Amino acid sequence: MSSHSTPAPDPLALEMPWARTAAGANTLGFDAGTDTSPSSPQVMPTIYERTTAAAIAHGAINLGQGFPDTEGPDWLLELASRAITEPETGPRNQYAPGMGLIELREAISAAQSRRQQVTLDPATQVMVTTGATEGISATILAFARPGSEVLTFEPHYDSYGACVALAGARLVGVPLRGPEFRPDLDAFEAAITERTSMILLNTPHNPTGTVFSTEELTRIVELARAHDLRIMCDEVYEHLMLSDARLPHRSILTIPGAQEVAVAVGSAGKSFSVTGWKVGWVTGGAELVSQVRGVKQFLSFSSGPAFQWAIAHGLDDDRGFFAQNTAELEAGRDLLRDGLTQLGLAPNRAEAGYFVLGNVSGITSLSAAEFCRILAEEVGVAAIPVSALTIQHLATPTDELEHLVRFAFCKDHATIREGLRRMREHLPAALAAYPPAAGAAGADEAASDAGTDGP
């Protein structure tokens, strides 16, 4: 699961687009090479695929990749099934319009009006994409000028780095620091230079669960307007707000003046637990959406008309699924947080989304990447090092982000309990061969202090 030992290269130091893209996502590795044949670059699978592969190879509980254990609601699956097999019920199984089925665009517009009081013309301000990832890719490729800098908060979804590098731009990160992981907007503003062309935001944030405030979003929009920058705001976790979140989710498009500089990216996959359907969308001012369309229509053009049709009905009436889903997620979050606390991993609040972050520096001197390798191979639990979601060629080993681990709570509660049991019973012995954290009790003491009645 860990990457090759060769230091991560600066993506823009690489000539070929495929290599820049892989390096930007921390998926460029190198074979060992020989005396007569030098090492050569290789594209590795994403950190999510590598984590799942490690889980399968070692019979590990997969608390890494962010997909739910349960399917979406039966009524939604039935709608898609009927749309495929009953032409008189849903759309034909041919190309959907490039902007998406009008039924879905109208449903997205209506949902934004109800939930965010944002008015969007479904004909010009809503575009359906093949998952949020395509919406993100098309937006970055539309607005990141070659040779420019693109500013984001770290950690970040790995496709940001891949697409920025593919665009020939350089990703610049401003870290979110624990335990609250709130944005440092003074540092963010200081990072804007004459080379900056674009800002990438994510709220609710993956993987910290941070929900950006109206004041924070307002300041970022004001900065974008003052410096003539474009904003892509990734809002795919908008329907996964947990009940104890201290702030409500606000779309970037609710901020005055945002539609002149920003687009929002949304998704049905996380909202309805149908990640394989790959139904996403881009919304914003008509001019910006049209510019993103200039790229998007030459990526996938369109996809999944039956899925689009079903999601349109789901957005019109979720039949209580959103509330039921977030209640289940919150119970899983609480279960996981309690267990990680007992293990000495100091989990964060995680107010939205799928993930809790644990800090390994309290129990071991290992990096998160090495910790995750041992966790999968020797303990039987797979998780993701947050370092994989950072700009690795600029990272320093002592940085806090190098010691955080992402655990997914979008799993069956029995799966979470089994993962925690394995960590309680096997993690102390697995870490015993490695230096403990300086000045801190080891995992052995943390686990024994927790007793045997944990989750």
Protein backbone atom coordinates (compact mmCIF):
# COMPACT_ATOMS: atom_id res chain seq x y z
CA MET A 1 0.00 0.00 0.00
CA SER A 2 2.92 2.36 0.51
CA SER A 3 4.45 4.09 -2.50
CA HIS A 4 7.91 3.39 -3.90
CA SER A 5 10.75 4.88 -1.89
CA THR A 6 11.88 7.29 -4.63
CA PRO A 7 11.09 10.86 -3.52
CA ALA A 8 7.95 12.31 -5.09
CA PRO A 9 8.86 14.52 -8.06
CA ASP A 10 7.61 17.98 -8.83
CA PRO A 11 4.91 17.22 -11.44
CA LEU A 12 5.90 20.14 -13.66
CA ALA A 13 9.46 18.81 -13.86
CA LEU A 14 8.08 15.93 -15.93
CA GLU A 15 7.66 16.23 -19.68
CA MET A 16 4.83 13.84 -20.47
CA PRO A 17 1.25 14.73 -19.47
CA TRP A 18 0.56 11.23 -18.12
CA ALA A 19 3.55 11.44 -15.80
CA ARG A 20 2.67 14.97 -14.60
CA THR A 21 -0.88 13.83 -13.87
CA ALA A 22 0.24 10.77 -11.91
CA ALA A 23 2.83 12.74 -9.96
CA GLY A 24 0.22 15.37 -9.10
CA ALA A 25 -1.91 12.67 -7.50
CA ASN A 26 1.05 10.95 -5.79
CA THR A 27 0.60 7.89 -8.02
CA LEU A 28 3.91 8.02 -9.91
CA GLY A 29 6.22 5.26 -8.77
CA PHE A 30 9.50 3.86 -10.05
CA ASP A 31 10.64 0.30 -10.58
CA ALA A 32 13.79 -0.86 -8.87
CA GLY A 33 15.96 -0.70 -11.97
CA THR A 34 19.26 -2.55 -12.51
CA ASP A 35 22.89 -1.68 -13.16
CA THR A 36 22.22 -1.78 -16.89
CA SER A 37 18.64 -0.55 -16.91
CA PRO A 38 17.81 2.60 -14.92
CA SER A 39 14.59 2.91 -12.99
CA SER A 40 11.59 3.99 -15.02
CA PRO A 41 8.37 5.71 -13.96
CA GLN A 42 5.22 3.67 -13.46
CA VAL A 43 1.64 4.72 -12.81
CA MET A 44 0.30 3.22 -9.60
CA PRO A 45 -3.42 2.89 -8.83
CA THR A 46 -4.95 5.62 -6.67
CA ILE A 47 -4.47 5.47 -2.91
CA TYR A 48 -8.09 4.31 -2.64
CA GLU A 49 -7.53 1.37 -4.99
CA ARG A 50 -4.25 0.48 -3.31
CA THR A 51 -5.90 0.52 0.10
CA THR A 52 -8.74 -1.72 -1.03
CA ALA A 53 -6.28 -4.07 -2.73
CA ALA A 54 -4.27 -4.27 0.50
CA ALA A 55 -7.45 -5.02 2.44
CA ILE A 56 -8.27 -7.89 0.07
CA ALA A 57 -4.71 -9.24 0.02
CA HIS A 58 -4.44 -9.34 3.82
CA GLY A 59 -8.03 -10.15 4.71
CA ALA A 60 -8.28 -6.74 6.34
CA ILE A 61 -11.33 -4.78 7.42
CA ASN A 62 -11.57 -1.93 4.90
CA LEU A 63 -11.93 1.34 6.78
CA GLY A 64 -10.06 3.13 4.03
CA GLN A 65 -11.91 3.66 0.76
CA GLY A 66 -14.94 5.92 1.11
CA PHE A 67 -17.72 3.78 -0.24
CA PRO A 68 -20.68 2.69 1.90
CA ASP A 69 -21.30 -0.94 2.77
CA THR A 70 -25.01 -0.58 2.05
CA GLU A 71 -26.77 0.03 -1.26
CA GLY A 72 -28.88 3.05 -2.00
CA PRO A 73 -32.60 2.94 -1.20
CA ASP A 74 -34.60 0.21 -2.95
CA TRP A 75 -37.05 2.65 -4.47
CA LEU A 76 -34.19 4.54 -6.15
CA LEU A 77 -32.67 1.36 -7.57
CA GLU A 78 -36.10 0.35 -8.85
CA LEU A 79 -36.51 3.68 -10.62
CA ALA A 80 -33.21 3.19 -12.46
CA SER A 81 -34.08 -0.39 -13.32
CA ARG A 82 -37.43 0.61 -14.77
CA ALA A 83 -35.82 3.40 -16.76
CA ILE A 84 -33.48 0.87 -18.40
CA THR A 85 -36.07 -1.80 -19.19
CA GLU A 86 -39.25 0.23 -19.75
CA PRO A 87 -38.71 2.84 -22.48
CA GLU A 88 -42.17 4.24 -21.88
CA THR A 89 -41.23 4.97 -18.25
CA GLY A 90 -37.86 6.66 -18.45
CA PRO A 91 -35.37 7.99 -21.01
CA ARG A 92 -34.07 5.94 -23.91
CA ASN A 93 -30.81 4.05 -23.39
CA GLN A 94 -28.96 6.35 -25.77
CA TYR A 95 -26.89 9.48 -25.31
CA ALA A 96 -28.29 11.89 -22.78
CA PRO A 97 -28.02 15.55 -23.82
CA GLY A 98 -24.55 17.00 -23.27
CA MET A 99 -25.85 19.24 -20.48
CA GLY A 100 -27.76 16.32 -18.91
CA LEU A 101 -31.40 15.25 -18.84
CA ILE A 102 -33.61 18.28 -18.41
CA GLU A 103 -35.51 16.41 -15.67
CA LEU A 104 -32.34 16.17 -13.59
CA ARG A 105 -31.25 19.73 -14.28
CA GLU A 106 -34.67 20.96 -13.18
CA ALA A 107 -34.51 18.80 -10.05
CA ILE A 108 -31.05 20.13 -9.14
CA SER A 109 -32.26 23.69 -9.64
CA ALA A 110 -35.35 23.11 -7.50
CA ALA A 111 -33.31 21.42 -4.75
CA GLN A 112 -30.85 24.31 -4.61
CA SER A 113 -33.74 26.74 -4.38
CA ARG A 114 -35.32 24.82 -1.47
CA ARG A 115 -32.17 24.08 0.48
CA GLN A 116 -29.91 27.04 -0.28
CA GLN A 117 -32.27 29.73 -1.64
CA VAL A 118 -30.13 29.86 -4.79
CA THR A 119 -31.89 30.53 -8.09
CA LEU A 120 -30.45 28.62 -11.05
CA ASP A 121 -31.71 28.47 -14.62
CA PRO A 122 -31.72 24.72 -15.41
CA ALA A 123 -31.13 25.46 -19.09
CA THR A 124 -27.90 27.42 -18.66
CA GLN A 125 -26.69 27.21 -15.06
CA VAL A 126 -26.81 23.46 -14.38
CA MET A 127 -24.69 20.87 -16.19
CA VAL A 128 -24.71 17.15 -15.40
CA THR A 129 -21.32 15.39 -15.34
CA THR A 130 -20.09 11.81 -15.14
CA GLY A 131 -19.60 11.97 -11.41
CA ALA A 132 -18.25 14.89 -9.44
CA THR A 133 -14.74 13.89 -10.49
CA GLU A 134 -15.48 14.81 -14.10
CA GLY A 135 -17.01 18.09 -12.97
CA ILE A 136 -13.86 18.83 -10.97
CA SER A 137 -11.61 17.84 -13.87
CA ALA A 138 -13.48 19.89 -16.45
CA THR A 139 -13.53 22.95 -14.21
CA ILE A 140 -9.82 22.82 -13.41
CA LEU A 141 -8.92 22.27 -17.07
CA ALA A 142 -11.18 25.17 -18.02
CA PHE A 143 -9.73 27.73 -15.61
CA ALA A 144 -6.20 26.73 -14.51
CA ARG A 145 -3.90 28.62 -16.87
CA PRO A 146 -0.72 26.78 -17.95
CA GLY A 147 2.19 28.07 -15.90
CA SER A 148 -0.08 29.49 -13.18
CA GLU A 149 -0.61 28.49 -9.56
CA VAL A 150 -3.79 26.96 -8.18
CA LEU A 151 -4.47 27.46 -4.48
CA THR A 152 -6.19 24.92 -2.24
CA PHE A 153 -6.33 23.73 1.36
CA GLU A 154 -4.47 20.58 2.38
CA PRO A 155 -5.33 17.77 2.67
CA HIS A 156 -7.29 17.62 -0.57
CA TYR A 157 -9.04 15.16 -2.86
CA ASP A 158 -6.26 13.65 -4.97
CA SER A 159 -7.82 14.48 -8.34
CA TYR A 160 -7.13 18.17 -7.63
CA GLY A 161 -3.40 17.62 -7.87
CA ALA A 162 -3.73 15.35 -10.90
CA CYS A 163 -5.84 17.78 -12.93
CA VAL A 164 -3.86 20.86 -11.95
CA ALA A 165 -0.67 19.14 -13.13
CA LEU A 166 -2.38 17.98 -16.33
CA ALA A 167 -3.36 21.61 -16.96
CA GLY A 168 0.31 22.58 -16.69
CA ALA A 169 -0.26 24.54 -13.49
CA ARG A 170 1.26 24.19 -10.02
CA LEU A 171 -0.82 23.28 -6.96
CA VAL A 172 -0.13 25.36 -3.84
CA GLY A 173 -1.47 24.12 -0.51
CA VAL A 174 -2.36 25.92 2.70
CA PRO A 175 -2.71 23.34 5.50
CA LEU A 176 -5.75 22.88 7.69
CA ARG A 177 -4.37 22.31 11.19
CA GLY A 178 -5.85 20.13 13.92
CA PRO A 179 -7.64 19.72 16.10
CA GLU A 180 -10.31 21.99 14.58
CA PHE A 181 -9.01 22.05 10.97
CA ARG A 182 -10.41 25.50 10.29
CA PRO A 183 -9.00 27.49 7.34
CA ASP A 184 -6.29 30.05 8.10
CA LEU A 185 -7.50 32.78 5.76
CA ASP A 186 -4.61 35.12 6.51
CA ALA A 187 -2.19 32.42 5.34
CA PHE A 188 -4.48 31.70 2.41
CA GLU A 189 -4.49 35.34 1.32
CA ALA A 190 -0.72 35.54 1.73
CA ALA A 191 -0.36 32.58 -0.65
CA ILE A 192 -2.10 34.45 -3.50
CA THR A 193 0.43 35.85 -5.97
CA GLU A 194 0.34 37.37 -9.42
CA ARG A 195 0.71 33.80 -10.72
CA THR A 196 -2.47 32.51 -9.02
CA SER A 197 -5.30 31.72 -11.45
CA MET A 198 -7.71 29.58 -9.48
CA ILE A 199 -8.91 28.50 -6.02
CA LEU A 200 -10.10 24.97 -5.17
CA LEU A 201 -12.39 24.68 -2.14
CA ASN A 202 -14.15 21.71 -0.57
CA THR A 203 -16.96 22.14 1.95
CA PRO A 204 -18.01 20.00 3.76
CA HIS A 205 -14.34 19.07 3.62
CA ASN A 206 -12.86 15.68 2.78
CA PRO A 207 -11.30 14.26 4.89
CA THR A 208 -11.58 16.58 7.93
CA GLY A 209 -15.37 17.06 7.95
CA THR A 210 -14.87 20.82 8.39
CA VAL A 211 -17.82 22.96 7.27
CA PHE A 212 -16.75 26.39 6.06
CA SER A 213 -18.59 29.33 7.58
CA THR A 214 -20.43 32.03 5.67
CA GLU A 215 -17.75 34.50 6.79
CA GLU A 216 -14.95 32.27 5.53
CA LEU A 217 -16.62 31.72 2.17
CA THR A 218 -17.38 35.43 1.86
CA ARG A 219 -13.75 36.39 2.38
CA ILE A 220 -12.59 33.82 -0.17
CA VAL A 221 -15.07 35.11 -2.76
CA GLU A 222 -13.91 38.66 -2.07
CA LEU A 223 -10.31 37.60 -2.61
CA ALA A 224 -11.23 35.90 -5.87
CA ARG A 225 -13.04 38.97 -7.12
CA ALA A 226 -10.19 41.28 -6.10
CA HIS A 227 -7.58 39.15 -7.90
CA ASP A 228 -9.75 38.00 -10.85
CA LEU A 229 -9.54 34.35 -9.82
CA ARG A 230 -11.95 31.49 -10.51
CA ILE A 231 -13.25 29.22 -7.73
CA MET A 232 -14.24 25.58 -7.92
CA CYS A 233 -16.13 24.60 -4.75
CA ASP A 234 -16.51 20.84 -4.27
CA GLU A 235 -19.75 20.32 -2.31
CA VAL A 236 -20.28 16.58 -2.77
CA TYR A 237 -20.87 15.99 0.97
CA GLU A 238 -23.64 18.59 1.21
CA HIS A 239 -26.24 15.97 2.16
CA LEU A 240 -24.00 14.30 4.76
CA MET A 241 -24.16 16.92 7.50
CA LEU A 242 -24.25 15.32 10.97
CA SER A 243 -26.57 16.60 13.68
CA ASP A 244 -23.84 18.02 15.93
CA ALA A 245 -22.27 20.16 13.21
CA ARG A 246 -21.77 23.63 14.62
CA LEU A 247 -22.40 25.32 11.28
CA PRO A 248 -24.88 24.62 8.48
CA HIS A 249 -23.62 23.89 5.00
CA ARG A 250 -23.66 26.97 2.81
CA SER A 251 -23.11 26.63 -0.92
CA ILE A 252 -20.51 28.96 -2.37
CA LEU A 253 -23.27 30.19 -4.68
CA THR A 254 -25.14 31.76 -1.74
CA ILE A 255 -22.35 34.32 -1.29
CA PRO A 256 -22.98 37.70 -2.95
CA GLY A 257 -20.96 38.02 -6.15
CA ALA A 258 -19.95 34.34 -6.19
CA GLN A 259 -21.71 33.48 -9.42
CA GLU A 260 -19.35 35.85 -11.25
CA VAL A 261 -16.26 33.91 -10.15
CA ALA A 262 -17.32 30.49 -8.81
CA VAL A 263 -18.93 27.21 -9.75
CA ALA A 264 -20.10 24.51 -7.34
CA VAL A 265 -19.69 20.78 -7.95
CA GLY A 266 -22.27 18.35 -6.54
CA SER A 267 -22.86 14.62 -6.64
CA ALA A 268 -25.54 11.98 -6.23
CA GLY A 269 -23.12 9.17 -5.45
CA LYS A 270 -22.37 10.13 -1.86
CA SER A 271 -25.82 11.65 -1.24
CA PHE A 272 -27.75 8.49 -2.17
CA SER A 273 -25.08 5.80 -1.49
CA VAL A 274 -24.79 4.95 -5.18
CA THR A 275 -21.16 5.89 -5.82
CA GLY A 276 -20.95 3.61 -8.86
CA TRP A 277 -23.63 5.52 -10.73
CA LYS A 278 -21.28 8.46 -11.34
CA VAL A 279 -23.85 11.23 -11.53
CA GLY A 280 -22.52 14.67 -10.68
CA TRP A 281 -23.15 18.27 -11.69
CA VAL A 282 -21.64 21.72 -12.05
CA THR A 283 -23.70 24.79 -11.17
CA GLY A 284 -23.00 28.51 -11.28
CA GLY A 285 -23.29 31.57 -13.46
CA ALA A 286 -24.28 30.83 -17.05
CA GLU A 287 -21.04 32.19 -18.50
CA LEU A 288 -18.79 30.10 -16.24
CA VAL A 289 -20.88 26.93 -16.72
CA SER A 290 -20.65 27.43 -20.49
CA GLN A 291 -16.88 27.73 -20.24
CA VAL A 292 -16.65 24.51 -18.23
CA ARG A 293 -18.89 22.86 -20.84
CA GLY A 294 -16.23 23.72 -23.43
CA VAL A 295 -14.02 21.11 -21.75
CA LYS A 296 -16.58 18.70 -20.31
CA GLN A 297 -18.33 17.85 -23.59
CA PHE A 298 -15.07 16.43 -24.92
CA LEU A 299 -14.43 14.24 -21.88
CA SER A 300 -17.38 11.86 -21.51
CA PHE A 301 -19.96 14.00 -23.38
CA SER A 302 -22.75 12.31 -21.39
CA SER A 303 -23.53 9.12 -19.50
CA GLY A 304 -26.09 7.12 -17.55
CA PRO A 305 -29.49 8.48 -18.68
CA ALA A 306 -31.35 5.97 -16.51
CA PHE A 307 -29.30 6.92 -13.48
CA GLN A 308 -29.85 10.61 -14.19
CA TRP A 309 -33.59 10.03 -14.41
CA ALA A 310 -33.72 8.14 -11.11
CA ILE A 311 -31.65 10.79 -9.31
CA ALA A 312 -34.00 13.49 -10.60
CA HIS A 313 -36.86 11.76 -8.81
CA GLY A 314 -34.73 11.26 -5.71
CA LEU A 315 -33.85 14.94 -5.47
CA ASP A 316 -37.51 15.88 -5.88
CA ASP A 317 -38.42 13.58 -2.95
CA ASP A 318 -35.74 11.68 -1.04
CA ARG A 319 -38.50 9.88 0.96
CA GLY A 320 -36.62 10.47 4.20
CA PHE A 321 -33.41 8.82 2.98
CA PHE A 322 -31.11 11.76 3.69
CA ALA A 323 -32.16 11.92 7.35
CA GLN A 324 -31.99 8.14 7.78
CA ASN A 325 -28.59 7.96 6.09
CA THR A 326 -26.99 10.71 8.16
CA ALA A 327 -28.36 9.17 11.37
CA GLU A 328 -26.66 5.88 10.47
CA LEU A 329 -23.46 7.69 9.56
CA GLU A 330 -23.47 9.62 12.82
CA ALA A 331 -23.85 6.43 14.84
CA GLY A 332 -20.92 4.93 12.93
CA ARG A 333 -18.88 8.08 13.46
CA ASP A 334 -19.50 8.00 17.21
CA LEU A 335 -18.61 4.32 17.39
CA LEU A 336 -15.38 4.86 15.50
CA ARG A 337 -14.40 8.01 17.40
CA ASP A 338 -14.88 6.31 20.76
CA GLY A 339 -12.72 3.38 19.70
CA LEU A 340 -9.95 5.53 18.25
CA THR A 341 -9.93 7.65 21.40
CA GLN A 342 -9.38 4.55 23.52
CA LEU A 343 -6.50 3.56 21.24
CA GLY A 344 -4.80 6.92 21.79
CA LEU A 345 -5.34 8.17 18.22
CA ALA A 346 -7.02 11.46 19.22
CA PRO A 347 -9.77 11.57 16.55
CA ASN A 348 -11.17 14.86 15.30
CA ARG A 349 -14.83 15.98 15.55
CA ALA A 350 -15.80 15.02 11.96
CA GLU A 351 -19.01 17.03 11.58
CA ALA A 352 -19.85 15.91 8.05
CA GLY A 353 -18.95 13.38 5.39
CA TYR A 354 -17.58 9.85 5.74
CA PHE A 355 -14.29 10.16 7.63
CA VAL A 356 -12.57 10.55 11.00
CA LEU A 357 -8.90 11.50 11.27
CA GLY A 358 -6.65 9.82 13.81
CA ASN A 359 -3.22 11.15 14.80
CA VAL A 360 -0.63 8.39 15.19
CA SER A 361 2.05 10.64 16.69
CA GLY A 362 0.70 9.99 20.20
CA ILE A 363 1.44 6.26 20.00
CA THR A 364 4.29 5.79 17.52
CA SER A 365 7.13 7.59 15.77
CA LEU A 366 6.10 6.02 12.46
CA SER A 367 4.69 8.10 9.64
CA ALA A 368 1.04 7.59 8.78
CA ALA A 369 2.03 5.80 5.57
CA GLU A 370 4.15 3.25 7.43
CA PHE A 371 1.51 2.95 10.14
CA CYS A 372 -1.13 2.14 7.52
CA ARG A 373 1.09 -0.50 5.94
CA ILE A 374 1.55 -2.24 9.29
CA LEU A 375 -2.11 -1.78 10.13
CA ALA A 376 -3.18 -3.65 6.98
CA GLU A 377 -0.50 -6.35 6.97
CA GLU A 378 -0.19 -7.16 10.67
CA VAL A 379 -3.41 -5.94 12.29
CA GLY A 380 -5.92 -6.63 9.52
CA VAL A 381 -7.39 -3.13 9.17
CA ALA A 382 -7.00 -0.91 6.11
CA ALA A 383 -6.95 2.89 6.37
CA ILE A 384 -5.57 5.76 4.32
CA PRO A 385 -2.60 7.98 5.25
CA VAL A 386 -3.61 11.62 4.90
CA SER A 387 -0.16 12.27 3.46
CA ALA A 388 -1.45 10.70 0.22
CA LEU A 389 -3.85 13.64 0.01
CA THR A 390 -1.14 16.30 0.22
CA ILE A 391 1.48 17.79 -2.09
CA GLN A 392 4.12 15.17 -1.41
CA HIS A 393 7.10 16.66 -3.23
CA LEU A 394 6.88 19.62 -0.82
CA ALA A 395 6.11 17.62 2.34
CA THR A 396 8.39 17.41 5.38
CA PRO A 397 8.42 14.29 7.58
CA THR A 398 7.67 16.25 10.76
CA ASP A 399 4.56 17.97 9.40
CA GLU A 400 1.35 17.12 11.25
CA LEU A 401 -0.32 16.00 8.00
CA GLU A 402 2.29 13.25 7.66
CA HIS A 403 0.98 11.64 10.88
CA LEU A 404 -2.77 11.64 10.26
CA VAL A 405 -4.79 8.59 9.20
CA ARG A 406 -8.20 8.67 7.54
CA PHE A 407 -10.72 6.08 8.79
CA ALA A 408 -14.10 5.69 7.05
CA PHE A 409 -17.25 5.38 9.14
CA CYS A 410 -19.60 4.85 6.16
CA LYS A 411 -19.45 1.15 7.00
CA ASP A 412 -21.70 -1.38 8.67
CA HIS A 413 -21.44 -0.96 12.43
CA ALA A 414 -20.40 -4.59 12.85
CA THR A 415 -17.52 -3.93 10.44
CA ILE A 416 -16.41 -0.91 12.46
CA ARG A 417 -16.57 -2.91 15.71
CA GLU A 418 -14.50 -5.71 14.21
CA GLY A 419 -11.90 -3.23 12.95
CA LEU A 420 -11.64 -1.67 16.40
CA ARG A 421 -11.40 -5.10 18.06
CA ARG A 422 -8.50 -6.04 15.79
CA MET A 423 -6.72 -2.79 16.59
CA ARG A 424 -7.19 -3.21 20.34
CA GLU A 425 -5.95 -6.77 20.30
CA HIS A 426 -3.16 -6.64 17.71
CA LEU A 427 -1.93 -3.07 17.27
CA PRO A 428 0.25 -2.91 20.43
CA ALA A 429 2.23 -5.99 19.41
CA ALA A 430 2.49 -4.79 15.80
CA LEU A 431 3.98 -1.46 16.94
CA ALA A 432 6.25 -2.95 19.58
CA ALA A 433 9.06 -3.46 17.08
CA TYR A 434 9.15 0.25 16.25
CA PRO A 435 10.23 3.26 18.33
CA PRO A 436 7.34 4.66 20.39
CA ALA A 437 6.28 8.27 20.23
CA ALA A 438 8.67 10.54 22.08
CA GLY A 439 7.32 11.48 25.49
CA ALA A 440 4.06 9.58 25.02
CA ALA A 441 2.63 6.29 26.18
CA GLY A 442 2.79 3.58 23.55
CA ALA A 443 -0.18 1.88 21.98
CA ASP A 444 0.17 -0.92 24.53
CA GLU A 445 -0.57 1.44 27.43
CA ALA A 446 -3.32 3.24 25.52
CA ALA A 447 -5.06 -0.03 24.73
CA SER A 448 -4.70 -1.42 28.26
CA ASP A 449 -6.06 1.82 29.73
CA ALA A 450 -9.16 1.35 27.57
CA GLY A 451 -10.00 -1.95 29.21
CA THR A 452 -11.85 -4.71 27.36
CA ASP A 453 -15.36 -3.30 27.16
CA GLY A 454 -14.81 -1.01 24.16
CA PRO A 455 -16.78 -1.15 20.92
